[in-house]
Amino acid sequence: MRIDLLMDYWPAIWNGFLITVLLSFVVLALSTPIAFFLALARQSQFAMLRWPATVYVNVFRALPVLIVLYFAFYALPQFGMSLSAFQAATAGLVIASSAYLAEDIRAGLAAVDPGQRQAATALGIPYWRALRRIYLPQAIPISLPPYITRAIIIVKGTALASLVAVNDLTAEAVRAISITYRPYEFLAVAAALYLLINALLAVLQSLAERRIALKHGRVVAGPATVVQ
């Protein structure tokens, strides 16, 4: 391994890593609330809310993410909406990711016992209060593992942004390879940095699950420890 080459290109690789982290964070921060309201709309008894959300989720789950990215970067300027490379990548990834996350969140909400919904309605508890105090506390532990899994997929999917001129980690690694013809070094470093991001997400999932387990008095994952 040519350490000297890595040191020469490390500033560019590190800058690409920071852009990947920023893009991942922005995509998750924007797509999560969108997905939450899409999930609620999918469960709504009102067809005017349910059907548009259903169409949105099914359409963008069916389309390749790269097609959505290309549309945002290349096609939107034809309609007078010029976006920077980062903005186009963010828009495309948010649109696609929110459709997938909506189904993960909806699955958690759907797992709540329907009898509790009926009881809340019978007691006259307003929907938004019941959602906050009854449904979400039960849905979050169920939705957390698939949500983190989807977050990891989103982080890996940010590599597609390199195809719309975003200088992310993948783009910088490929650029260094094209100049030095040393793929092993730069691909290994890029892989290690992606693993670092996703390992941190896995740790956050473990900590969140442990906290939820402690709060509800369940068995905590890890060593043989039972919360009394």
C-alpha atoms as a PDB file:
ATOM      1  CA  MET A   1       0.000   0.000   0.000  1.00  0.00           C
ATOM      2  CA  ARG A   2       1.340   3.417  -1.002  1.00  0.00           C
ATOM      3  CA  ILE A   3       0.908   5.470   2.146  1.00  0.00           C
ATOM      4  CA  ASP A   4       2.529   8.445   0.464  1.00  0.00           C
ATOM      5  CA  LEU A   5      -0.221   8.546  -2.167  1.00  0.00           C
ATOM      6  CA  LEU A   6      -2.885   8.366   0.517  1.00  0.00           C
ATOM      7  CA  MET A   7      -1.285  11.262   2.340  1.00  0.00           C
ATOM      8  CA  ASP A   8      -1.137  13.321  -0.875  1.00  0.00           C
ATOM      9  CA  TYR A   9      -4.850  12.818  -1.567  1.00  0.00           C
ATOM     10  CA  TRP A  10      -6.057  12.661   2.044  1.00  0.00           C
ATOM     11  CA  PRO A  11      -7.319  16.292   2.162  1.00  0.00           C
ATOM     12  CA  ALA A  12      -9.562  15.642  -0.847  1.00  0.00           C
ATOM     13  CA  ILE A  13     -10.714  12.267   0.525  1.00  0.00           C
ATOM     14  CA  TRP A  14     -11.482  13.826   3.921  1.00  0.00           C
ATOM     15  CA  ASN A  15     -13.417  16.666   2.296  1.00  0.00           C
ATOM     16  CA  GLY A  16     -15.423  14.091   0.328  1.00  0.00           C
ATOM     17  CA  PHE A  17     -16.084  12.195   3.558  1.00  0.00           C
ATOM     18  CA  LEU A  18     -17.428  15.353   5.223  1.00  0.00           C
ATOM     19  CA  ILE A  19     -19.680  16.020   2.226  1.00  0.00           C
ATOM     20  CA  THR A  20     -20.993  12.447   2.455  1.00  0.00           C
ATOM     21  CA  VAL A  21     -21.726  12.899   6.163  1.00  0.00           C
ATOM     22  CA  LEU A  22     -23.453  16.235   5.524  1.00  0.00           C
ATOM     23  CA  LEU A  23     -25.505  14.858   2.631  1.00  0.00           C
ATOM     24  CA  SER A  24     -26.555  11.828   4.677  1.00  0.00           C
ATOM     25  CA  PHE A  25     -27.568  14.001   7.628  1.00  0.00           C
ATOM     26  CA  VAL A  26     -29.556  16.453   5.488  1.00  0.00           C
ATOM     27  CA  VAL A  27     -31.339  13.660   3.617  1.00  0.00           C
ATOM     28  CA  LEU A  28     -32.330  11.905   6.849  1.00  0.00           C
ATOM     29  CA  ALA A  29     -33.336  15.163   8.540  1.00  0.00           C
ATOM     30  CA  LEU A  30     -35.637  16.114   5.646  1.00  0.00           C
ATOM     31  CA  SER A  31     -36.984  12.714   4.635  1.00  0.00           C
ATOM     32  CA  THR A  32     -37.922  11.552   8.159  1.00  0.00           C
ATOM     33  CA  PRO A  33     -40.686  14.135   8.826  1.00  0.00           C
ATOM     34  CA  ILE A  34     -41.932  13.794   5.244  1.00  0.00           C
ATOM     35  CA  ALA A  35     -42.062  10.020   5.680  1.00  0.00           C
ATOM     36  CA  PHE A  36     -43.848  10.391   9.023  1.00  0.00           C
ATOM     37  CA  PHE A  37     -46.682  12.425   7.523  1.00  0.00           C
ATOM     38  CA  LEU A  38     -46.825  10.115   4.500  1.00  0.00           C
ATOM     39  CA  ALA A  39     -47.224   7.169   6.888  1.00  0.00           C
ATOM     40  CA  LEU A  40     -50.043   8.945   8.730  1.00  0.00           C
ATOM     41  CA  ALA A  41     -51.702   9.839   5.434  1.00  0.00           C
ATOM     42  CA  ARG A  42     -51.443   6.213   4.282  1.00  0.00           C
ATOM     43  CA  GLN A  43     -53.410   5.189   7.368  1.00  0.00           C
ATOM     44  CA  SER A  44     -55.929   8.002   7.131  1.00  0.00           C
ATOM     45  CA  GLN A  45     -59.607   7.236   6.747  1.00  0.00           C
ATOM     46  CA  PHE A  46     -59.855  10.158   4.329  1.00  0.00           C
ATOM     47  CA  ALA A  47     -59.319   9.090   0.729  1.00  0.00           C
ATOM     48  CA  MET A  48     -58.097  12.560  -0.270  1.00  0.00           C
ATOM     49  CA  LEU A  49     -55.114  12.040   2.035  1.00  0.00           C
ATOM     50  CA  ARG A  50     -54.660   8.295   1.663  1.00  0.00           C
ATOM     51  CA  TRP A  51     -54.619   7.985  -2.116  1.00  0.00           C
ATOM     52  CA  PRO A  52     -52.039  10.708  -2.941  1.00  0.00           C
ATOM     53  CA  ALA A  53     -49.731   9.313  -0.262  1.00  0.00           C
ATOM     54  CA  THR A  54     -50.203   5.789  -1.589  1.00  0.00           C
ATOM     55  CA  VAL A  55     -49.428   6.871  -5.145  1.00  0.00           C
ATOM     56  CA  TYR A  56     -46.339   8.804  -4.010  1.00  0.00           C
ATOM     57  CA  VAL A  57     -44.948   5.894  -1.988  1.00  0.00           C
ATOM     58  CA  ASN A  58     -45.600   3.276  -4.659  1.00  0.00           C
ATOM     59  CA  VAL A  59     -44.251   5.390  -7.526  1.00  0.00           C
ATOM     60  CA  PHE A  60     -41.000   6.416  -5.897  1.00  0.00           C
ATOM     61  CA  ARG A  61     -40.366   2.970  -4.448  1.00  0.00           C
ATOM     62  CA  ALA A  62     -40.706   1.596  -7.971  1.00  0.00           C
ATOM     63  CA  LEU A  63     -38.299   4.063  -9.609  1.00  0.00           C
ATOM     64  CA  PRO A  64     -34.512   3.602  -9.478  1.00  0.00           C
ATOM     65  CA  VAL A  65     -32.965   6.243  -7.227  1.00  0.00           C
ATOM     66  CA  LEU A  66     -30.504   7.147  -9.974  1.00  0.00           C
ATOM     67  CA  ILE A  67     -33.366   8.045 -12.313  1.00  0.00           C
ATOM     68  CA  VAL A  68     -34.764  10.389  -9.664  1.00  0.00           C
ATOM     69  CA  LEU A  69     -31.324  11.964  -9.181  1.00  0.00           C
ATOM     70  CA  TYR A  70     -30.855  12.440 -12.921  1.00  0.00           C
ATOM     71  CA  PHE A  71     -34.310  13.990 -13.190  1.00  0.00           C
ATOM     72  CA  ALA A  72     -33.537  16.471 -10.403  1.00  0.00           C
ATOM     73  CA  PHE A  73     -30.141  17.387 -11.862  1.00  0.00           C
ATOM     74  CA  TYR A  74     -30.747  17.299 -15.620  1.00  0.00           C
ATOM     75  CA  ALA A  75     -34.499  17.591 -16.206  1.00  0.00           C
ATOM     76  CA  LEU A  76     -35.614  20.238 -13.699  1.00  0.00           C
ATOM     77  CA  PRO A  77     -33.603  23.018 -15.405  1.00  0.00           C
ATOM     78  CA  GLN A  78     -35.863  22.544 -18.444  1.00  0.00           C
ATOM     79  CA  PHE A  79     -38.707  23.732 -16.226  1.00  0.00           C
ATOM     80  CA  GLY A  80     -36.756  26.724 -14.938  1.00  0.00           C
ATOM     81  CA  MET A  81     -35.634  25.055 -11.682  1.00  0.00           C
ATOM     82  CA  SER A  82     -31.848  25.129 -11.685  1.00  0.00           C
ATOM     83  CA  LEU A  83     -30.327  23.368  -8.696  1.00  0.00           C
ATOM     84  CA  SER A  84     -26.723  22.992  -7.671  1.00  0.00           C
ATOM     85  CA  ALA A  85     -25.282  19.493  -7.706  1.00  0.00           C
ATOM     86  CA  PHE A  86     -25.652  19.185  -3.924  1.00  0.00           C
ATOM     87  CA  GLN A  87     -29.226  20.515  -3.986  1.00  0.00           C
ATOM     88  CA  ALA A  88     -30.216  18.165  -6.812  1.00  0.00           C
ATOM     89  CA  ALA A  89     -28.690  15.177  -5.030  1.00  0.00           C
ATOM     90  CA  THR A  90     -30.433  16.151  -1.796  1.00  0.00           C
ATOM     91  CA  ALA A  91     -33.798  16.589  -3.512  1.00  0.00           C
ATOM     92  CA  GLY A  92     -33.553  13.298  -5.372  1.00  0.00           C
ATOM     93  CA  LEU A  93     -32.450  11.306  -2.342  1.00  0.00           C
ATOM     94  CA  VAL A  94     -35.082  12.899  -0.082  1.00  0.00           C
ATOM     95  CA  ILE A  95     -37.870  12.136  -2.560  1.00  0.00           C
ATOM     96  CA  ALA A  96     -36.805   8.507  -2.906  1.00  0.00           C
ATOM     97  CA  SER A  97     -35.866   7.914   0.738  1.00  0.00           C
ATOM     98  CA  SER A  98     -39.070   9.366   2.174  1.00  0.00           C
ATOM     99  CA  ALA A  99     -41.093   6.807   0.212  1.00  0.00           C
ATOM    100  CA  TYR A 100     -39.160   3.905   1.743  1.00  0.00           C
ATOM    101  CA  LEU A 101     -39.051   5.368   5.241  1.00  0.00           C
ATOM    102  CA  ALA A 102     -42.803   5.982   5.126  1.00  0.00           C
ATOM    103  CA  GLU A 103     -43.422   2.259   4.842  1.00  0.00           C
ATOM    104  CA  ASP A 104     -41.057   1.487   7.721  1.00  0.00           C
ATOM    105  CA  ILE A 105     -42.850   3.998   9.940  1.00  0.00           C
ATOM    106  CA  ARG A 106     -46.288   2.865   8.786  1.00  0.00           C
ATOM    107  CA  ALA A 107     -45.419  -0.727   9.672  1.00  0.00           C
ATOM    108  CA  GLY A 108     -44.619   0.357  13.220  1.00  0.00           C
ATOM    109  CA  LEU A 109     -47.857   2.309  13.543  1.00  0.00           C
ATOM    110  CA  ALA A 110     -49.872  -0.557  12.070  1.00  0.00           C
ATOM    111  CA  ALA A 111     -48.417  -2.931  14.679  1.00  0.00           C
ATOM    112  CA  VAL A 112     -50.157  -1.040  17.500  1.00  0.00           C
ATOM    113  CA  ASP A 113     -53.158  -2.992  18.730  1.00  0.00           C
ATOM    114  CA  PRO A 114     -56.271  -1.678  16.920  1.00  0.00           C
ATOM    115  CA  GLY A 115     -58.164  -2.094  20.171  1.00  0.00           C
ATOM    116  CA  GLN A 116     -56.170   0.755  21.663  1.00  0.00           C
ATOM    117  CA  ARG A 117     -57.197   3.014  18.825  1.00  0.00           C
ATOM    118  CA  GLN A 118     -60.813   2.103  19.398  1.00  0.00           C
ATOM    119  CA  ALA A 119     -60.438   2.695  23.127  1.00  0.00           C
ATOM    120  CA  ALA A 120     -58.870   6.117  22.548  1.00  0.00           C
ATOM    121  CA  THR A 121     -61.714   7.052  20.225  1.00  0.00           C
ATOM    122  CA  ALA A 122     -64.318   5.799  22.699  1.00  0.00           C
ATOM    123  CA  LEU A 123     -62.718   7.865  25.481  1.00  0.00           C
ATOM    124  CA  GLY A 124     -62.776  10.961  23.305  1.00  0.00           C
ATOM    125  CA  ILE A 125     -58.994  11.396  23.269  1.00  0.00           C
ATOM    126  CA  PRO A 126     -58.007  13.712  20.400  1.00  0.00           C
ATOM    127  CA  TYR A 127     -56.135  11.944  17.607  1.00  0.00           C
ATOM    128  CA  TRP A 128     -52.911  13.939  17.876  1.00  0.00           C
ATOM    129  CA  ARG A 129     -52.795  13.470  21.646  1.00  0.00           C
ATOM    130  CA  ALA A 130     -53.416   9.739  21.307  1.00  0.00           C
ATOM    131  CA  LEU A 131     -50.739   9.591  18.625  1.00  0.00           C
ATOM    132  CA  ARG A 132     -48.207  11.285  20.887  1.00  0.00           C
ATOM    133  CA  ARG A 133     -49.082   9.537  24.159  1.00  0.00           C
ATOM    134  CA  ILE A 134     -50.283   6.087  23.068  1.00  0.00           C
ATOM    135  CA  TYR A 135     -49.397   5.094  19.486  1.00  0.00           C
ATOM    136  CA  LEU A 136     -45.891   6.512  19.003  1.00  0.00           C
ATOM    137  CA  PRO A 137     -44.402   5.137  22.262  1.00  0.00           C
ATOM    138  CA  GLN A 138     -45.354   1.667  21.029  1.00  0.00           C
ATOM    139  CA  ALA A 139     -44.542   2.202  17.354  1.00  0.00           C
ATOM    140  CA  ILE A 140     -41.057   3.672  17.816  1.00  0.00           C
ATOM    141  CA  PRO A 141     -39.416   0.508  19.248  1.00  0.00           C
ATOM    142  CA  ILE A 142     -40.895  -1.490  16.369  1.00  0.00           C
ATOM    143  CA  SER A 143     -39.869   1.020  13.702  1.00  0.00           C
ATOM    144  CA  LEU A 144     -36.372   1.699  15.048  1.00  0.00           C
ATOM    145  CA  PRO A 145     -34.493  -1.330  13.599  1.00  0.00           C
ATOM    146  CA  PRO A 146     -35.890  -0.933  10.059  1.00  0.00           C
ATOM    147  CA  TYR A 147     -35.387   2.836  10.313  1.00  0.00           C
ATOM    148  CA  ILE A 148     -31.687   2.466  11.143  1.00  0.00           C
ATOM    149  CA  THR A 149     -31.344  -0.156   8.419  1.00  0.00           C
ATOM    150  CA  ARG A 150     -32.878   2.310   5.971  1.00  0.00           C
ATOM    151  CA  ALA A 151     -30.553   5.047   7.259  1.00  0.00           C
ATOM    152  CA  ILE A 152     -27.564   2.817   6.509  1.00  0.00           C
ATOM    153  CA  ILE A 153     -28.913   2.190   3.006  1.00  0.00           C
ATOM    154  CA  ILE A 154     -29.328   5.954   2.555  1.00  0.00           C
ATOM    155  CA  VAL A 155     -25.717   6.559   3.592  1.00  0.00           C
ATOM    156  CA  LYS A 156     -24.537   4.012   1.045  1.00  0.00           C
ATOM    157  CA  GLY A 157     -26.910   5.476  -1.531  1.00  0.00           C
ATOM    158  CA  THR A 158     -25.262   8.883  -1.261  1.00  0.00           C
ATOM    159  CA  ALA A 159     -22.484   7.383  -3.403  1.00  0.00           C
ATOM    160  CA  LEU A 160     -24.867   7.879  -6.352  1.00  0.00           C
ATOM    161  CA  ALA A 161     -24.499  11.630  -5.815  1.00  0.00           C
ATOM    162  CA  SER A 162     -21.048  11.349  -7.364  1.00  0.00           C
ATOM    163  CA  LEU A 163     -22.822  10.728 -10.688  1.00  0.00           C
ATOM    164  CA  VAL A 164     -24.429  14.182 -10.565  1.00  0.00           C
ATOM    165  CA  ALA A 165     -21.174  16.056  -9.906  1.00  0.00           C
ATOM    166  CA  VAL A 166     -21.215  16.027  -6.086  1.00  0.00           C
ATOM    167  CA  ASN A 167     -17.657  15.741  -4.758  1.00  0.00           C
ATOM    168  CA  ASP A 168     -18.499  13.175  -2.124  1.00  0.00           C
ATOM    169  CA  LEU A 169     -16.331  10.382  -0.766  1.00  0.00           C
ATOM    170  CA  THR A 170     -16.910   8.101  -3.753  1.00  0.00           C
ATOM    171  CA  ALA A 171     -16.241  10.881  -6.259  1.00  0.00           C
ATOM    172  CA  GLU A 172     -12.960  11.839  -4.609  1.00  0.00           C
ATOM    173  CA  ALA A 173     -11.817   8.216  -4.386  1.00  0.00           C
ATOM    174  CA  VAL A 174     -12.611   7.613  -8.058  1.00  0.00           C
ATOM    175  CA  ARG A 175     -10.850  10.844  -9.032  1.00  0.00           C
ATOM    176  CA  ALA A 176      -7.712   9.802  -7.145  1.00  0.00           C
ATOM    177  CA  ILE A 177      -7.815   6.374  -8.783  1.00  0.00           C
ATOM    178  CA  SER A 178      -8.138   7.904 -12.255  1.00  0.00           C
ATOM    179  CA  ILE A 179      -4.966   9.941 -11.633  1.00  0.00           C
ATOM    180  CA  THR A 180      -2.794   7.410  -9.790  1.00  0.00           C
ATOM    181  CA  TYR A 181      -4.109   4.094 -11.185  1.00  0.00           C
ATOM    182  CA  ARG A 182      -3.943   2.715  -7.644  1.00  0.00           C
ATOM    183  CA  PRO A 183      -7.483   1.494  -6.915  1.00  0.00           C
ATOM    184  CA  TYR A 184      -6.693  -0.682  -3.889  1.00  0.00           C
ATOM    185  CA  GLU A 185      -5.516   2.093  -1.593  1.00  0.00           C
ATOM    186  CA  PHE A 186      -8.321   4.538  -2.278  1.00  0.00           C
ATOM    187  CA  LEU A 187     -11.136   1.997  -2.430  1.00  0.00           C
ATOM    188  CA  ALA A 188      -9.957   0.517   0.868  1.00  0.00           C
ATOM    189  CA  VAL A 189      -9.935   3.925   2.545  1.00  0.00           C
ATOM    190  CA  ALA A 190     -13.361   4.836   1.107  1.00  0.00           C
ATOM    191  CA  ALA A 191     -14.786   1.500   2.282  1.00  0.00           C
ATOM    192  CA  ALA A 192     -13.342   2.026   5.766  1.00  0.00           C
ATOM    193  CA  LEU A 193     -14.899   5.481   6.032  1.00  0.00           C
ATOM    194  CA  TYR A 194     -18.318   4.222   4.906  1.00  0.00           C
ATOM    195  CA  LEU A 195     -18.009   1.430   7.481  1.00  0.00           C
ATOM    196  CA  LEU A 196     -17.221   4.035  10.132  1.00  0.00           C
ATOM    197  CA  ILE A 197     -20.401   6.006   9.424  1.00  0.00           C
ATOM    198  CA  ASN A 198     -22.594   2.924   9.397  1.00  0.00           C
ATOM    199  CA  ALA A 199     -20.930   1.473  12.494  1.00  0.00           C
ATOM    200  CA  LEU A 200     -21.825   4.674  14.345  1.00  0.00           C
ATOM    201  CA  LEU A 201     -25.440   4.304  13.176  1.00  0.00           C
ATOM    202  CA  ALA A 202     -25.475   0.703  14.427  1.00  0.00           C
ATOM    203  CA  VAL A 203     -24.135   1.871  17.799  1.00  0.00           C
ATOM    204  CA  LEU A 204     -26.844   4.541  17.984  1.00  0.00           C
ATOM    205  CA  GLN A 205     -29.447   1.875  17.277  1.00  0.00           C
ATOM    206  CA  SER A 206     -28.068  -0.323  20.050  1.00  0.00           C
ATOM    207  CA  LEU A 207     -28.045   2.561  22.536  1.00  0.00           C
ATOM    208  CA  ALA A 208     -31.584   3.600  21.597  1.00  0.00           C
ATOM    209  CA  GLU A 209     -32.882   0.039  21.926  1.00  0.00           C
ATOM    210  CA  ARG A 210     -31.166  -0.346  25.289  1.00  0.00           C
ATOM    211  CA  ARG A 211     -32.687   2.898  26.544  1.00  0.00           C
ATOM    212  CA  ILE A 212     -36.146   1.832  25.374  1.00  0.00           C
ATOM    213  CA  ALA A 213     -35.693  -1.574  27.005  1.00  0.00           C
ATOM    214  CA  LEU A 214     -34.641   0.024  30.303  1.00  0.00           C
ATOM    215  CA  LYS A 215     -37.592   2.390  30.180  1.00  0.00           C
ATOM    216  CA  HIS A 216     -40.087  -0.416  29.663  1.00  0.00           C
ATOM    217  CA  GLY A 217     -38.371  -2.964  31.899  1.00  0.00           C
ATOM    218  CA  ARG A 218     -37.509  -5.452  29.187  1.00  0.00           C
ATOM    219  CA  VAL A 219     -34.472  -7.655  28.626  1.00  0.00           C
ATOM    220  CA  VAL A 220     -31.528  -5.547  27.452  1.00  0.00           C
ATOM    221  CA  ALA A 221     -29.590  -6.806  24.427  1.00  0.00           C
ATOM    222  CA  GLY A 222     -25.995  -7.776  25.076  1.00  0.00           C
ATOM    223  CA  PRO A 223     -24.694  -9.711  28.086  1.00  0.00           C
ATOM    224  CA  ALA A 224     -27.173 -11.744  30.073  1.00  0.00           C
ATOM    225  CA  THR A 225     -28.731  -8.855  31.944  1.00  0.00           C
ATOM    226  CA  VAL A 226     -32.366  -8.574  32.873  1.00  0.00           C
ATOM    227  CA  VAL A 227     -33.894  -5.325  34.042  1.00  0.00           C
ATOM    228  CA  GLN A 228     -35.859  -5.905  37.201  1.00  0.00           C
END
